[in-house]
C-alpha atoms as a PDB file:
ATOM      1  CA  MET A   1      -5.704  46.662  19.281  1.00  0.00           C
ATOM      2  CA  THR A   2      -6.281  44.974  22.062  1.00  0.00           C
ATOM      3  CA  TRP A   3      -5.965  41.232  22.837  1.00  0.00           C
ATOM      4  CA  TRP A   4      -9.440  40.607  22.441  1.00  0.00           C
ATOM      5  CA  GLU A   5      -9.561  42.250  19.011  1.00  0.00           C
ATOM      6  CA  ALA A   6      -6.697  40.206  17.865  1.00  0.00           C
ATOM      7  CA  LEU A   7      -8.347  36.748  19.011  1.00  0.00           C
ATOM      8  CA  VAL A   8     -11.561  37.640  16.917  1.00  0.00           C
ATOM      9  CA  LEU A   9      -9.770  38.719  13.607  1.00  0.00           C
ATOM     10  CA  GLY A  10      -7.822  35.696  13.892  1.00  0.00           C
ATOM     11  CA  ILE A  11     -10.590  33.151  14.460  1.00  0.00           C
ATOM     12  CA  ILE A  12     -12.027  35.219  11.295  1.00  0.00           C
ATOM     13  CA  GLN A  13      -9.042  35.105   9.000  1.00  0.00           C
ATOM     14  CA  GLY A  14      -8.590  31.442   9.811  1.00  0.00           C
ATOM     15  CA  LEU A  15     -12.303  30.856   9.075  1.00  0.00           C
ATOM     16  CA  THR A  16     -12.448  32.825   6.033  1.00  0.00           C
ATOM     17  CA  GLU A  17      -9.334  32.573   4.427  1.00  0.00           C
ATOM     18  CA  PHE A  18      -9.888  29.123   2.293  1.00  0.00           C
ATOM     19  CA  LEU A  19     -13.568  29.465   1.865  1.00  0.00           C
ATOM     20  CA  PRO A  20     -14.785  31.381  -1.162  1.00  0.00           C
ATOM     21  CA  ILE A  21     -16.005  34.548   0.195  1.00  0.00           C
ATOM     22  CA  SER A  22     -13.188  36.554   0.861  1.00  0.00           C
ATOM     23  CA  SER A  23     -10.927  36.674   4.613  1.00  0.00           C
ATOM     24  CA  SER A  24      -9.872  40.629   3.559  1.00  0.00           C
ATOM     25  CA  ALA A  25     -13.438  41.890   3.097  1.00  0.00           C
ATOM     26  CA  HIS A  26     -14.255  39.656   6.890  1.00  0.00           C
ATOM     27  CA  LEU A  27     -11.479  41.389   8.309  1.00  0.00           C
ATOM     28  CA  ARG A  28     -12.162  44.985   6.886  1.00  0.00           C
ATOM     29  CA  ILE A  29     -16.041  44.853   7.901  1.00  0.00           C
ATOM     30  CA  VAL A  30     -15.475  43.222  11.433  1.00  0.00           C
ATOM     31  CA  GLY A  31     -12.849  45.577  12.056  1.00  0.00           C
ATOM     32  CA  ASP A  32     -14.480  48.710  11.024  1.00  0.00           C
ATOM     33  CA  LEU A  33     -17.697  47.276  13.559  1.00  0.00           C
ATOM     34  CA  MET A  34     -15.106  46.385  16.133  1.00  0.00           C
ATOM     35  CA  GLY A  35     -13.818  50.673  15.604  1.00  0.00           C
ATOM     36  CA  ARG A  36     -10.946  50.135  13.905  1.00  0.00           C
ATOM     37  CA  ASP A  37     -10.157  49.016  10.207  1.00  0.00           C
ATOM     38  CA  PRO A  38      -6.978  46.383  10.982  1.00  0.00           C
ATOM     39  CA  GLY A  39      -5.297  47.876   7.718  1.00  0.00           C
ATOM     40  CA  ALA A  40      -3.890  45.870   4.581  1.00  0.00           C
ATOM     41  CA  ALA A  41      -0.560  45.014   6.462  1.00  0.00           C
ATOM     42  CA  PHE A  42      -2.310  43.311   9.439  1.00  0.00           C
ATOM     43  CA  THR A  43      -4.191  41.380   6.854  1.00  0.00           C
ATOM     44  CA  ALA A  44      -1.366  39.813   5.045  1.00  0.00           C
ATOM     45  CA  ILE A  45       0.964  39.377   8.162  1.00  0.00           C
ATOM     46  CA  THR A  46      -1.838  36.994   9.670  1.00  0.00           C
ATOM     47  CA  GLN A  47      -2.449  35.224   6.166  1.00  0.00           C
ATOM     48  CA  ILE A  48       0.967  33.785   7.081  1.00  0.00           C
ATOM     49  CA  GLY A  49      -1.170  31.910   9.852  1.00  0.00           C
ATOM     50  CA  THR A  50      -3.181  30.337   7.431  1.00  0.00           C
ATOM     51  CA  GLU A  51      -0.702  29.862   4.285  1.00  0.00           C
ATOM     52  CA  ALA A  52       1.523  28.170   7.523  1.00  0.00           C
ATOM     53  CA  ALA A  53      -1.413  25.437   7.597  1.00  0.00           C
ATOM     54  CA  VAL A  54      -1.506  25.278   3.823  1.00  0.00           C
ATOM     55  CA  VAL A  55       2.064  23.959   4.457  1.00  0.00           C
ATOM     56  CA  LEU A  56       1.421  21.466   7.240  1.00  0.00           C
ATOM     57  CA  TYR A  57      -1.504  20.117   5.365  1.00  0.00           C
ATOM     58  CA  PHE A  58      -0.039  19.459   1.909  1.00  0.00           C
ATOM     59  CA  ARG A  59       3.855  19.157   3.303  1.00  0.00           C
ATOM     60  CA  ARG A  60       4.388  15.730   1.462  1.00  0.00           C
ATOM     61  CA  ASP A  61       2.803  16.978  -1.771  1.00  0.00           C
ATOM     62  CA  ILE A  62       5.021  20.117  -1.599  1.00  0.00           C
ATOM     63  CA  ALA A  63       8.330  18.139  -0.669  1.00  0.00           C
ATOM     64  CA  ARG A  64       7.465  15.891  -3.607  1.00  0.00           C
ATOM     65  CA  ILE A  65       6.757  19.050  -5.950  1.00  0.00           C
ATOM     66  CA  ILE A  66       9.677  20.892  -4.904  1.00  0.00           C
ATOM     67  CA  SER A  67      12.317  17.620  -5.021  1.00  0.00           C
ATOM     68  CA  ARG A  68      10.884  16.364  -8.380  1.00  0.00           C
ATOM     69  CA  TRP A  69      10.877  20.445  -9.627  1.00  0.00           C
ATOM     70  CA  VAL A  70      14.653  20.360  -8.259  1.00  0.00           C
ATOM     71  CA  LYS A  71      15.789  17.244 -10.271  1.00  0.00           C
ATOM     72  CA  ALA A  72      14.032  18.018 -13.493  1.00  0.00           C
ATOM     73  CA  LEU A  73      16.264  21.340 -13.853  1.00  0.00           C
ATOM     74  CA  PRO A  74      18.683  21.559 -16.479  1.00  0.00           C
ATOM     75  CA  VAL A  75      21.492  22.876 -14.096  1.00  0.00           C
ATOM     76  CA  GLY A  76      22.847  21.613 -11.283  1.00  0.00           C
ATOM     77  CA  PRO A  77      24.043  18.521  -9.075  1.00  0.00           C
ATOM     78  CA  TRP A  78      20.592  16.955  -9.727  1.00  0.00           C
ATOM     79  CA  ARG A  79      20.267  18.155 -13.283  1.00  0.00           C
ATOM     80  CA  HIS A  80      17.832  15.708 -15.441  1.00  0.00           C
ATOM     81  CA  GLN A  81      17.300  13.191 -12.806  1.00  0.00           C
ATOM     82  CA  VAL A  82      13.352  13.623 -13.265  1.00  0.00           C
ATOM     83  CA  PRO A  83      12.385  14.216 -17.210  1.00  0.00           C
ATOM     84  CA  ALA A  84      10.596  17.853 -17.611  1.00  0.00           C
ATOM     85  CA  SER A  85       7.770  15.985 -18.519  1.00  0.00           C
ATOM     86  CA  ASP A  86       6.824  14.621 -14.751  1.00  0.00           C
ATOM     87  CA  PRO A  87       3.760  15.748 -13.500  1.00  0.00           C
ATOM     88  CA  ASP A  88       5.075  17.006 -10.116  1.00  0.00           C
ATOM     89  CA  ALA A  89       8.180  19.129 -12.247  1.00  0.00           C
ATOM     90  CA  ARG A  90       5.259  20.638 -14.676  1.00  0.00           C
ATOM     91  CA  MET A  91       3.398  21.287 -11.215  1.00  0.00           C
ATOM     92  CA  GLY A  92       6.548  23.196  -9.944  1.00  0.00           C
ATOM     93  CA  TRP A  93       6.821  25.611 -12.427  1.00  0.00           C
ATOM     94  CA  PHE A  94       3.083  26.099 -12.743  1.00  0.00           C
ATOM     95  CA  VAL A  95       2.615  27.408  -9.422  1.00  0.00           C
ATOM     96  CA  ILE A  96       5.773  29.758 -10.311  1.00  0.00           C
ATOM     97  CA  CYS A  97       4.445  31.483 -13.518  1.00  0.00           C
ATOM     98  CA  GLY A  98       0.885  31.649 -11.862  1.00  0.00           C
ATOM     99  CA  SER A  99       2.556  33.164  -8.958  1.00  0.00           C
ATOM    100  CA  ILE A 100       3.609  36.163 -11.278  1.00  0.00           C
ATOM    101  CA  PRO A 101       0.492  37.743 -12.243  1.00  0.00           C
ATOM    102  CA  ILE A 102      -0.510  38.788  -8.157  1.00  0.00           C
ATOM    103  CA  VAL A 103       3.182  39.723  -7.843  1.00  0.00           C
ATOM    104  CA  VAL A 104       3.597  42.073 -10.655  1.00  0.00           C
ATOM    105  CA  LEU A 105      -0.311  43.914 -10.305  1.00  0.00           C
ATOM    106  CA  GLY A 106       0.650  43.735  -6.414  1.00  0.00           C
ATOM    107  CA  LEU A 107       3.363  45.773  -6.482  1.00  0.00           C
ATOM    108  CA  LEU A 108       2.138  47.935  -9.318  1.00  0.00           C
ATOM    109  CA  PHE A 109      -1.094  48.888  -7.245  1.00  0.00           C
ATOM    110  CA  GLN A 110      -0.067  48.879  -3.560  1.00  0.00           C
ATOM    111  CA  ASP A 111      -0.949  52.153  -2.557  1.00  0.00           C
ATOM    112  CA  ALA A 112      -4.807  51.295  -4.000  1.00  0.00           C
ATOM    113  CA  ILE A 113      -4.571  47.902  -2.286  1.00  0.00           C
ATOM    114  CA  GLU A 114      -4.088  49.598   0.812  1.00  0.00           C
ATOM    115  CA  HIS A 115      -5.965  52.547   0.231  1.00  0.00           C
ATOM    116  CA  ALA A 116      -8.779  52.941  -2.457  1.00  0.00           C
ATOM    117  CA  LEU A 117      -9.583  49.569  -2.851  1.00  0.00           C
ATOM    118  CA  ARG A 118     -10.704  49.076   0.581  1.00  0.00           C
ATOM    119  CA  ASN A 119     -13.960  50.690  -0.177  1.00  0.00           C
ATOM    120  CA  LEU A 120     -16.745  48.925   1.763  1.00  0.00           C
ATOM    121  CA  TYR A 121     -19.116  50.142  -1.495  1.00  0.00           C
ATOM    122  CA  LEU A 122     -16.484  48.265  -3.903  1.00  0.00           C
ATOM    123  CA  THR A 123     -16.159  45.533  -1.639  1.00  0.00           C
ATOM    124  CA  ALA A 124     -20.262  44.747  -1.296  1.00  0.00           C
ATOM    125  CA  LEU A 125     -20.201  44.961  -4.953  1.00  0.00           C
ATOM    126  CA  VAL A 126     -17.475  42.636  -5.953  1.00  0.00           C
ATOM    127  CA  LEU A 127     -18.742  40.224  -2.910  1.00  0.00           C
ATOM    128  CA  ALA A 128     -22.321  40.038  -5.057  1.00  0.00           C
ATOM    129  CA  LEU A 129     -20.793  40.173  -8.481  1.00  0.00           C
ATOM    130  CA  PHE A 130     -18.462  37.405  -7.913  1.00  0.00           C
ATOM    131  CA  ALA A 131     -20.932  35.548  -6.307  1.00  0.00           C
ATOM    132  CA  VAL A 132     -23.184  35.044  -9.188  1.00  0.00           C
ATOM    133  CA  ILE A 133     -19.882  34.126 -11.506  1.00  0.00           C
ATOM    134  CA  LEU A 134     -18.861  31.565  -8.852  1.00  0.00           C
ATOM    135  CA  GLY A 135     -22.548  30.132  -9.279  1.00  0.00           C
ATOM    136  CA  ILE A 136     -22.873  30.301 -12.730  1.00  0.00           C
ATOM    137  CA  ALA A 137     -19.314  28.458 -13.018  1.00  0.00           C
ATOM    138  CA  ASP A 138     -20.699  25.881 -10.265  1.00  0.00           C
ATOM    139  CA  VAL A 139     -23.669  25.022 -12.135  1.00  0.00           C
ATOM    140  CA  ARG A 140     -22.643  24.988 -15.826  1.00  0.00           C
ATOM    141  CA  GLY A 141     -18.973  23.620 -14.826  1.00  0.00           C
ATOM    142  CA  ARG A 142     -18.172  20.811 -16.726  1.00  0.00           C
ATOM    143  CA  LYS A 143     -16.111  19.386 -13.621  1.00  0.00           C
ATOM    144  CA  GLU A 144     -14.164  16.703 -15.664  1.00  0.00           C
ATOM    145  CA  ARG A 145     -10.638  17.778 -15.138  1.00  0.00           C
ATOM    146  CA  GLU A 146      -8.227  16.814 -12.664  1.00  0.00           C
ATOM    147  CA  LEU A 147      -5.052  18.206 -11.699  1.00  0.00           C
ATOM    148  CA  THR A 148      -3.129  16.059 -13.792  1.00  0.00           C
ATOM    149  CA  GLN A 149      -4.931  17.488 -16.890  1.00  0.00           C
ATOM    150  CA  LEU A 150      -3.279  21.054 -16.016  1.00  0.00           C
ATOM    151  CA  THR A 151      -1.819  23.015 -19.041  1.00  0.00           C
ATOM    152  CA  TRP A 152       0.870  25.885 -19.203  1.00  0.00           C
ATOM    153  CA  LYS A 153      -2.616  28.066 -20.690  1.00  0.00           C
ATOM    154  CA  HIS A 154      -4.591  27.486 -17.442  1.00  0.00           C
ATOM    155  CA  ALA A 155      -1.760  27.785 -15.080  1.00  0.00           C
ATOM    156  CA  TRP A 156      -1.651  31.435 -16.132  1.00  0.00           C
ATOM    157  CA  LEU A 157      -5.648  31.986 -16.452  1.00  0.00           C
ATOM    158  CA  PHE A 158      -5.436  30.739 -12.449  1.00  0.00           C
ATOM    159  CA  GLY A 159      -2.665  32.991 -12.218  1.00  0.00           C
ATOM    160  CA  PHE A 160      -4.711  36.143 -13.053  1.00  0.00           C
ATOM    161  CA  ALA A 161      -7.959  34.832 -11.251  1.00  0.00           C
ATOM    162  CA  GLN A 162      -5.848  34.680  -8.200  1.00  0.00           C
ATOM    163  CA  ALA A 163      -4.600  38.434  -8.929  1.00  0.00           C
ATOM    164  CA  LEU A 164      -8.479  39.223  -8.659  1.00  0.00           C
ATOM    165  CA  ALA A 165      -8.248  39.059  -4.844  1.00  0.00           C
ATOM    166  CA  LEU A 166      -6.318  41.988  -4.806  1.00  0.00           C
ATOM    167  CA  VAL A 167      -9.521  43.428  -4.068  1.00  0.00           C
ATOM    168  CA  PRO A 168     -11.351  42.960  -0.756  1.00  0.00           C
ATOM    169  CA  GLY A 169     -14.142  41.229  -1.709  1.00  0.00           C
ATOM    170  CA  VAL A 170     -13.456  38.514  -4.613  1.00  0.00           C
ATOM    171  CA  SER A 171     -11.700  36.487  -2.532  1.00  0.00           C
ATOM    172  CA  ARG A 172      -8.169  34.155  -3.327  1.00  0.00           C
ATOM    173  CA  SER A 173      -9.573  30.837  -2.878  1.00  0.00           C
ATOM    174  CA  GLY A 174     -12.884  31.989  -4.658  1.00  0.00           C
ATOM    175  CA  GLY A 175     -11.181  33.591  -7.824  1.00  0.00           C
ATOM    176  CA  THR A 176      -9.189  30.337  -8.605  1.00  0.00           C
ATOM    177  CA  ILE A 177     -12.013  28.211  -7.961  1.00  0.00           C
ATOM    178  CA  THR A 178     -14.090  30.077  -9.917  1.00  0.00           C
ATOM    179  CA  ALA A 179     -11.604  30.044 -12.685  1.00  0.00           C
ATOM    180  CA  GLY A 180     -11.191  26.331 -12.419  1.00  0.00           C
ATOM    181  CA  LEU A 181     -14.685  25.494 -12.786  1.00  0.00           C
ATOM    182  CA  LEU A 182     -15.170  27.479 -15.517  1.00  0.00           C
ATOM    183  CA  MET A 183     -12.108  25.747 -17.558  1.00  0.00           C
ATOM    184  CA  GLY A 184     -13.704  22.251 -16.600  1.00  0.00           C
ATOM    185  CA  TYR A 185     -11.971  21.014 -13.589  1.00  0.00           C
ATOM    186  CA  THR A 186     -13.344  19.208 -10.486  1.00  0.00           C
ATOM    187  CA  ARG A 187     -14.414  21.193  -7.269  1.00  0.00           C
ATOM    188  CA  GLU A 188     -11.696  19.168  -5.194  1.00  0.00           C
ATOM    189  CA  ALA A 189      -8.966  19.597  -8.105  1.00  0.00           C
ATOM    190  CA  ALA A 190     -10.047  23.339  -8.094  1.00  0.00           C
ATOM    191  CA  ALA A 191      -9.913  23.826  -4.512  1.00  0.00           C
ATOM    192  CA  ARG A 192      -6.786  21.974  -4.222  1.00  0.00           C
ATOM    193  CA  TYR A 193      -4.927  24.088  -6.826  1.00  0.00           C
ATOM    194  CA  SER A 194      -5.995  26.896  -5.296  1.00  0.00           C
ATOM    195  CA  PHE A 195      -4.023  26.337  -1.900  1.00  0.00           C
ATOM    196  CA  LEU A 196      -1.036  25.107  -3.648  1.00  0.00           C
ATOM    197  CA  LEU A 197      -1.069  28.374  -5.679  1.00  0.00           C
ATOM    198  CA  ALA A 198      -1.723  30.693  -3.096  1.00  0.00           C
ATOM    199  CA  ILE A 199       1.520  29.601  -0.883  1.00  0.00           C
ATOM    200  CA  PRO A 200       4.000  31.698  -2.642  1.00  0.00           C
ATOM    201  CA  ALA A 201       2.013  34.697  -2.887  1.00  0.00           C
ATOM    202  CA  VAL A 202       0.777  34.954   0.515  1.00  0.00           C
ATOM    203  CA  LEU A 203       3.796  34.106   2.493  1.00  0.00           C
ATOM    204  CA  GLY A 204       5.654  36.821  -0.097  1.00  0.00           C
ATOM    205  CA  SER A 205       3.341  39.396   0.918  1.00  0.00           C
ATOM    206  CA  GLY A 206       2.929  38.578   4.457  1.00  0.00           C
ATOM    207  CA  PHE A 207       6.568  38.453   4.872  1.00  0.00           C
ATOM    208  CA  TYR A 208       6.890  41.670   2.750  1.00  0.00           C
ATOM    209  CA  GLN A 209       4.432  43.868   5.015  1.00  0.00           C
ATOM    210  CA  LEU A 210       6.319  42.055   8.117  1.00  0.00           C
ATOM    211  CA  VAL A 211       9.561  43.697   7.015  1.00  0.00           C
ATOM    212  CA  LYS A 212       8.329  46.928   5.879  1.00  0.00           C
ATOM    213  CA  SER A 213       6.943  47.383   9.238  1.00  0.00           C
ATOM    214  CA  GLY A 214       9.474  46.768  10.944  1.00  0.00           C
ATOM    215  CA  GLY A 215       8.848  43.336  12.302  1.00  0.00           C
ATOM    216  CA  THR A 216       6.242  45.642  14.629  1.00  0.00           C
ATOM    217  CA  GLY A 217       3.045  43.840  12.984  1.00  0.00           C
ATOM    218  CA  GLY A 218       2.064  47.726  11.937  1.00  0.00           C
ATOM    219  CA  ALA A 219      -0.761  50.117  13.641  1.00  0.00           C
ATOM    220  CA  ALA A 220      -1.964  46.684  15.052  1.00  0.00           C
ATOM    221  CA  GLY A 221       1.353  46.272  17.165  1.00  0.00           C
ATOM    222  CA  PHE A 222       3.391  42.652  17.164  1.00  0.00           C
ATOM    223  CA  GLY A 223       1.681  41.414  20.550  1.00  0.00           C
ATOM    224  CA  PRO A 224      -1.734  41.194  18.961  1.00  0.00           C
ATOM    225  CA  THR A 225      -0.643  40.688  15.367  1.00  0.00           C
ATOM    226  CA  LEU A 226       1.268  37.253  16.828  1.00  0.00           C
ATOM    227  CA  LEU A 227      -1.902  36.279  18.318  1.00  0.00           C
ATOM    228  CA  ALA A 228      -4.007  36.616  15.470  1.00  0.00           C
ATOM    229  CA  THR A 229      -1.242  35.011  13.207  1.00  0.00           C
ATOM    230  CA  VAL A 230      -1.070  31.611  15.553  1.00  0.00           C
ATOM    231  CA  VAL A 231      -5.138  31.435  15.916  1.00  0.00           C
ATOM    232  CA  ALA A 232      -5.411  32.071  12.167  1.00  0.00           C
ATOM    233  CA  PHE A 233      -3.301  28.873  11.788  1.00  0.00           C
ATOM    234  CA  ALA A 234      -4.703  26.772  14.086  1.00  0.00           C
ATOM    235  CA  VAL A 235      -8.329  27.491  12.637  1.00  0.00           C
ATOM    236  CA  GLY A 236      -7.104  27.595   9.344  1.00  0.00           C
ATOM    237  CA  TYR A 237      -6.112  24.229   9.684  1.00  0.00           C
ATOM    238  CA  LEU A 238      -9.121  22.610  11.033  1.00  0.00           C
ATOM    239  CA  VAL A 239     -11.136  24.857   7.782  1.00  0.00           C
ATOM    240  CA  ILE A 240      -8.835  22.828   4.883  1.00  0.00           C
ATOM    241  CA  ILE A 241     -10.027  19.588   6.323  1.00  0.00           C
ATOM    242  CA  ALA A 242     -13.716  20.209   6.375  1.00  0.00           C
ATOM    243  CA  PHE A 243     -13.522  22.591   3.416  1.00  0.00           C
ATOM    244  CA  LEU A 244     -12.016  19.609   1.299  1.00  0.00           C
ATOM    245  CA  LYS A 245     -14.275  16.971   2.572  1.00  0.00           C
ATOM    246  CA  ILE A 246     -17.385  19.693   1.697  1.00  0.00           C
ATOM    247  CA  VAL A 247     -16.386  20.374  -1.350  1.00  0.00           C
ATOM    248  CA  SER A 248     -15.813  16.786  -2.712  1.00  0.00           C
ATOM    249  CA  THR A 249     -19.495  16.209  -1.831  1.00  0.00           C
ATOM    250  CA  TYR A 250     -21.618  19.510  -1.838  1.00  0.00           C
ATOM    251  CA  SER A 251     -21.936  22.176  -4.447  1.00  0.00           C
ATOM    252  CA  TYR A 252     -20.586  26.071  -3.935  1.00  0.00           C
ATOM    253  CA  LEU A 253     -23.707  27.355  -3.923  1.00  0.00           C
ATOM    254  CA  PRO A 254     -24.342  28.272  -0.257  1.00  0.00           C
ATOM    255  CA  PHE A 255     -21.159  30.160  -0.428  1.00  0.00           C
ATOM    256  CA  VAL A 256     -22.715  31.968  -3.125  1.00  0.00           C
ATOM    257  CA  TYR A 257     -26.051  32.836  -1.498  1.00  0.00           C
ATOM    258  CA  TYR A 258     -23.757  33.896   1.836  1.00  0.00           C
ATOM    259  CA  ARG A 259     -22.081  36.412  -0.290  1.00  0.00           C
ATOM    260  CA  ILE A 260     -25.023  38.020  -1.929  1.00  0.00           C
ATOM    261  CA  VAL A 261     -26.690  38.432   1.905  1.00  0.00           C
ATOM    262  CA  LEU A 262     -23.403  39.901   3.715  1.00  0.00           C
ATOM    263  CA  ALA A 263     -22.770  42.053   0.009  1.00  0.00           C
ATOM    264  CA  ALA A 264     -26.637  43.296   0.926  1.00  0.00           C
ATOM    265  CA  VAL A 265     -25.827  43.610   5.085  1.00  0.00           C
ATOM    266  CA  VAL A 266     -22.400  45.876   4.757  1.00  0.00           C
ATOM    267  CA  VAL A 267     -24.745  47.976   1.997  1.00  0.00           C
ATOM    268  CA  VAL A 268     -27.360  48.626   4.534  1.00  0.00           C
ATOM    269  CA  LEU A 269     -25.123  49.324   7.112  1.00  0.00           C
ATOM    270  CA  LEU A 270     -23.158  51.820   5.230  1.00  0.00           C
ATOM    271  CA  VAL A 271     -26.139  53.822   4.477  1.00  0.00           C
ATOM    272  CA  ALA A 272     -27.102  53.529   8.103  1.00  0.00           C
ATOM    273  CA  GLY A 273     -23.664  55.157   8.845  1.00  0.00           C
ATOM    274  CA  VAL A 274     -22.644  51.981  10.827  1.00  0.00           C
ATOM    275  CA  LEU A 275     -19.670  51.348   9.072  1.00  0.00           C
ATOM    276  CA  ALA A 276     -17.438  53.847   6.838  1.00  0.00           C
ATOM    277  CA  PRO A 277     -16.742  53.495   3.248  1.00  0.00           C
ATOM    278  CA  LEU A 278     -13.085  54.254   3.729  1.00  0.00           C
ATOM    279  CA  PRO A 279     -10.994  53.248   6.719  1.00  0.00           C
ATOM    280  CA  SER A 280     -10.219  56.262   9.056  1.00  0.00           C
ATOM    281  CA  THR A 281      -6.437  57.243   8.535  1.00  0.00           C
END
């Protein structure tokens, strides 16, 4: 991978990670148009950059949640300093349990995730399908619940919705946001929780792939992968700020239309032979 290609893919990762349009699908599509599939390892590692942006943006919330969670534990030097019913302590447990589905399914279907599920025909299908589901959720959802009303049942449902993003085209944020809207949460509450819920899974996946590649960044190489990760961090931070402002005022319908148009474009390019259904090995 050239430095220019890494720069472009880093910008795309930062722009698309937090929007409900699937960053993995965009990296797969744009990478193929540039003549190379960046690969699942490159995608996972560059997501470390965007999740670092989440950690920076939500640093006070994260520090408070971790602190209250630790102080609510029944063991340790700070045990029972905070009641188990404390909202932040409960949020810590919700994020933990909501991260389990994507970890388990990611390990069980690792080979398919890195190969068969990267078929662009499948990507186009899920881009369109989940666009329709997101549109229905945004129009029909009650948008009344706040994160303070999060329950154990909903935490698990959020977790399974996030796990759907193992298929390129679903979108991690799109899956969790859609689930949140269907369960009656406000647009901003669903978006904020999607950011928090993604931190353990995305960082875990990214560092796993980094270690698995021996610290080289996989086929893309260490230097280009590092550049893309840093660029994704900077762009992603700006997108977080803009996205949270947008969703508090406007609907998700523009993203719905974008996903459908993108799906149609991908199919046309596949039929025309411009894109290959499966990445070259």
